[in-house]
N, C-alpha and C. Protein backbone atom coordinates (compact mmCIF):
# COMPACT_ATOMS: atom_id res chain seq x y z
N MET A 1 0.92 -1.19 -0.02
CA MET A 1 0.18 0.04 0.08
C MET A 1 1.04 1.43 0.31
N ASP A 2 2.23 1.24 0.51
CA ASP A 2 2.94 2.49 0.58
C ASP A 2 3.35 2.71 -0.86
N GLU A 3 3.78 1.42 -1.23
CA GLU A 3 4.16 2.37 -2.90
C GLU A 3 2.96 3.03 -3.57
N MET A 4 1.87 3.40 -3.23
CA MET A 4 0.90 3.36 -3.94
C MET A 4 1.28 5.19 -3.61
N LEU A 5 1.61 5.84 -2.60
CA LEU A 5 1.72 6.75 -2.14
C LEU A 5 3.24 7.07 -2.27
N ASP A 6 4.01 6.37 -2.88
CA ASP A 6 5.53 7.08 -3.09
C ASP A 6 5.30 7.63 -4.70
N PRO A 7 5.87 9.16 -4.39
CA PRO A 7 5.83 9.80 -5.88
C PRO A 7 6.73 8.89 -6.90
N ILE A 8 6.35 9.50 -8.30
CA ILE A 8 6.83 9.11 -8.99
C ILE A 8 7.77 10.25 -10.10
N LEU A 9 8.96 9.88 -10.36
CA LEU A 9 10.27 10.64 -11.10
C LEU A 9 9.65 10.45 -12.66
N ILE A 10 10.22 11.41 -12.88
CA ILE A 10 10.04 12.04 -14.15
C ILE A 10 11.18 12.46 -15.08
N CYS A 11 12.29 11.86 -15.86
CA CYS A 11 13.34 12.94 -16.04
C CYS A 11 12.65 13.90 -17.03
N VAL A 12 13.13 15.13 -16.80
CA VAL A 12 12.61 16.16 -17.33
C VAL A 12 13.46 16.46 -18.79
N TYR A 13 14.53 16.18 -18.81
CA TYR A 13 15.39 15.54 -20.06
C TYR A 13 14.40 15.11 -21.19
N CYS A 14 14.51 12.96 -20.95
CA CYS A 14 13.37 12.89 -22.33
C CYS A 14 12.40 12.39 -21.83
N GLY A 15 11.64 12.61 -20.43
CA GLY A 15 10.14 12.32 -20.59
C GLY A 15 10.00 11.07 -20.02
N ASP A 16 11.09 10.20 -20.02
CA ASP A 16 10.77 8.73 -19.28
C ASP A 16 10.41 8.67 -17.92
N LEU A 17 9.67 7.93 -17.51
CA LEU A 17 8.78 7.23 -16.17
C LEU A 17 9.99 6.44 -15.60
N MET A 18 10.46 7.20 -14.25
CA MET A 18 11.28 6.19 -13.48
C MET A 18 10.67 5.82 -12.51
N ASP A 19 9.75 4.61 -12.95
CA ASP A 19 8.46 4.38 -12.12
C ASP A 19 9.44 3.04 -11.15
N GLY A 20 9.22 3.15 -9.69
CA GLY A 20 10.41 2.05 -9.56
C GLY A 20 11.58 2.51 -8.94
N LEU A 21 12.07 3.66 -9.15
CA LEU A 21 12.71 4.66 -8.37
C LEU A 21 12.46 5.44 -7.23
N THR A 22 13.21 5.41 -6.13
CA THR A 22 12.78 5.98 -4.93
C THR A 22 14.40 7.11 -5.56
N GLU A 23 14.21 8.09 -5.02
CA GLU A 23 15.08 9.47 -4.48
C GLU A 23 16.16 9.04 -3.51
N ARG A 24 16.07 8.55 -2.59
CA ARG A 24 17.35 7.61 -1.93
C ARG A 24 17.79 6.44 -2.94
N GLN A 25 17.49 6.03 -3.57
CA GLN A 25 17.89 5.24 -4.94
C GLN A 25 18.97 5.99 -6.00
N ILE A 26 18.82 7.02 -6.26
CA ILE A 26 19.04 7.64 -7.12
C ILE A 26 20.63 8.67 -6.52
N GLU A 27 20.33 9.02 -5.49
CA GLU A 27 21.00 9.75 -4.06
C GLU A 27 22.10 8.89 -3.78
N VAL A 28 22.22 7.73 -3.86
CA VAL A 28 22.86 6.27 -3.81
C VAL A 28 23.92 5.85 -5.04
N PHE A 29 22.86 5.83 -5.81
CA PHE A 29 23.42 4.99 -7.38
C PHE A 29 23.70 5.97 -8.55
N GLY A 30 22.98 7.80 -8.26
CA GLY A 30 23.08 8.27 -9.57
C GLY A 30 21.70 8.50 -9.99
N LYS A 31 21.82 9.33 -10.91
CA LYS A 31 20.48 9.40 -12.22
C LYS A 31 20.91 8.38 -12.96
N PRO A 32 20.01 8.20 -13.72
CA PRO A 32 20.12 7.33 -15.11
C PRO A 32 20.84 7.74 -15.78
N THR A 33 21.09 7.41 -16.69
CA THR A 33 22.07 7.95 -17.86
C THR A 33 21.60 9.02 -18.35
N CYS A 34 20.20 9.04 -19.15
CA CYS A 34 19.29 9.84 -19.57
C CYS A 34 19.32 10.80 -19.11
N CYS A 35 19.45 11.12 -17.76
CA CYS A 35 18.97 12.32 -16.80
C CYS A 35 19.89 13.36 -16.26
N ASN A 36 20.88 13.83 -17.18
CA ASN A 36 22.07 14.90 -16.97
C ASN A 36 21.29 15.95 -16.54
N PHE A 37 20.14 16.16 -16.72
CA PHE A 37 19.44 17.46 -16.42
C PHE A 37 18.84 17.67 -15.02
N ASP A 38 17.71 17.28 -15.26
CA ASP A 38 16.86 17.40 -13.48
C ASP A 38 15.49 16.29 -13.84
N MET A 39 15.29 15.86 -12.88
CA MET A 39 14.06 14.79 -11.97
C MET A 39 13.14 16.03 -12.02
N LEU A 40 11.81 15.34 -12.28
CA LEU A 40 10.50 15.90 -11.57
C LEU A 40 9.65 15.01 -10.37
N THR A 41 9.60 15.38 -9.10
CA THR A 41 8.82 14.18 -8.74
C THR A 41 7.12 14.56 -8.56
N ILE A 42 6.48 13.73 -8.88
CA ILE A 42 5.20 13.86 -9.10
C ILE A 42 4.40 13.15 -8.07
N GLU A 43 3.19 13.56 -7.04
CA GLU A 43 2.20 12.62 -6.59
C GLU A 43 1.84 11.86 -7.26
N ARG A 44 1.97 10.53 -7.14
CA ARG A 44 1.10 9.53 -8.03
C ARG A 44 -0.56 9.48 -7.75
N GLU A 45 -1.04 10.33 -6.80
CA GLU A 45 -2.64 10.59 -7.01
C GLU A 45 -2.54 11.68 -8.32
N LYS A 46 -1.59 12.61 -8.87
CA LYS A 46 -1.67 13.53 -9.37
C LYS A 46 -1.58 12.60 -10.37
N MET A 47 -1.14 12.10 -11.07
CA MET A 47 -0.59 11.59 -12.42
C MET A 47 -1.62 11.03 -13.28
N HIS A 48 -2.67 10.37 -12.56
CA HIS A 48 -4.04 10.32 -13.36
C HIS A 48 -4.56 11.51 -14.11
N THR A 49 -4.68 12.14 -13.45
CA THR A 49 -5.25 13.92 -13.96
C THR A 49 -4.43 14.46 -14.84
N ILE A 50 -3.21 14.18 -15.04
CA ILE A 50 -2.35 14.35 -15.74
C ILE A 50 -2.22 13.98 -17.25
N MET A 51 -2.30 12.33 -16.79
CA MET A 51 -2.38 11.46 -18.09
C MET A 51 -3.98 11.82 -18.78
N ARG A 52 -4.83 12.59 -17.91
CA ARG A 52 -6.80 12.07 -18.85
C ARG A 52 -6.05 13.64 -19.66
N SER A 53 -5.20 14.73 -18.78
CA SER A 53 -5.67 15.65 -18.96
C SER A 53 -4.24 15.76 -20.53
N LEU A 54 -4.04 15.01 -20.81
CA LEU A 54 -2.83 14.88 -22.08
C LEU A 54 -3.68 14.18 -22.93
N ASP A 55 -4.65 12.70 -22.53
CA ASP A 55 -5.36 12.22 -23.28
C ASP A 55 -6.33 12.78 -24.31
N THR A 56 -7.28 14.18 -23.13
CA THR A 56 -7.65 14.99 -23.92
C THR A 56 -6.95 16.07 -25.12
N LEU A 57 -6.16 16.66 -24.32
CA LEU A 57 -4.99 17.34 -25.20
C LEU A 57 -4.40 16.18 -26.83
N LYS A 58 -4.35 15.48 -26.88
CA LYS A 58 -4.13 14.63 -27.93
C LYS A 58 -5.56 14.51 -28.59
N LYS A 59 -6.17 14.46 -28.26
CA LYS A 59 -7.53 14.43 -29.15
C LYS A 59 -7.89 15.77 -29.91
N ASN A 60 -7.72 16.59 -28.70
CA ASN A 60 -8.16 18.16 -29.59
C ASN A 60 -7.33 17.69 -30.63
N ILE A 61 -6.30 17.95 -31.01
CA ILE A 61 -4.93 18.32 -31.53
C ILE A 61 -5.65 17.57 -32.90
N GLU A 62 -6.11 16.07 -32.42
CA GLU A 62 -6.07 15.35 -33.34
C GLU A 62 -7.39 15.67 -34.02
N ASP A 63 -8.19 16.16 -33.66
CA ASP A 63 -9.81 16.67 -34.17
C ASP A 63 -9.24 18.07 -34.96
N GLU A 64 -8.69 18.70 -34.69
CA GLU A 64 -8.67 19.86 -35.07
C GLU A 64 -7.59 19.68 -36.34
N VAL A 65 -6.62 19.15 -36.42
CA VAL A 65 -6.26 18.16 -37.71
C VAL A 65 -6.76 17.82 -37.99
N LEU A 66 -7.59 16.84 -38.31
CA LEU A 66 -8.67 16.33 -38.97
C LEU A 66 -9.73 17.16 -39.94
N LYS A 67 -9.89 18.46 -38.90
CA LYS A 67 -10.81 19.27 -39.28
C LYS A 67 -10.00 19.95 -40.71
N GLY A 68 -8.48 20.12 -40.48
CA GLY A 68 -7.86 21.06 -41.70
C GLY A 68 -7.73 20.47 -42.55
N VAL A 69 -8.15 18.83 -42.44
CA VAL A 69 -7.50 17.89 -44.02
C VAL A 69 -9.06 18.05 -44.56
N LEU A 70 -9.80 17.89 -43.66
CA LEU A 70 -11.08 17.55 -44.63
C LEU A 70 -11.44 19.34 -44.94
């Protein structure tokens, strides 16, 4: 159950989800090779809202592209 409350780390450079990595592991082992820049921490509860918003944005962009094609 505690796993569900752990934050999700995201590489700001490549956008890769570092799910499963903890901040402590990164302190000990260092950042993954793609993450030479910064990492962003997002609470798991907010991740669903972010993903839903991105899905809506994608759909809206696709609709606008289709309007332009038709």
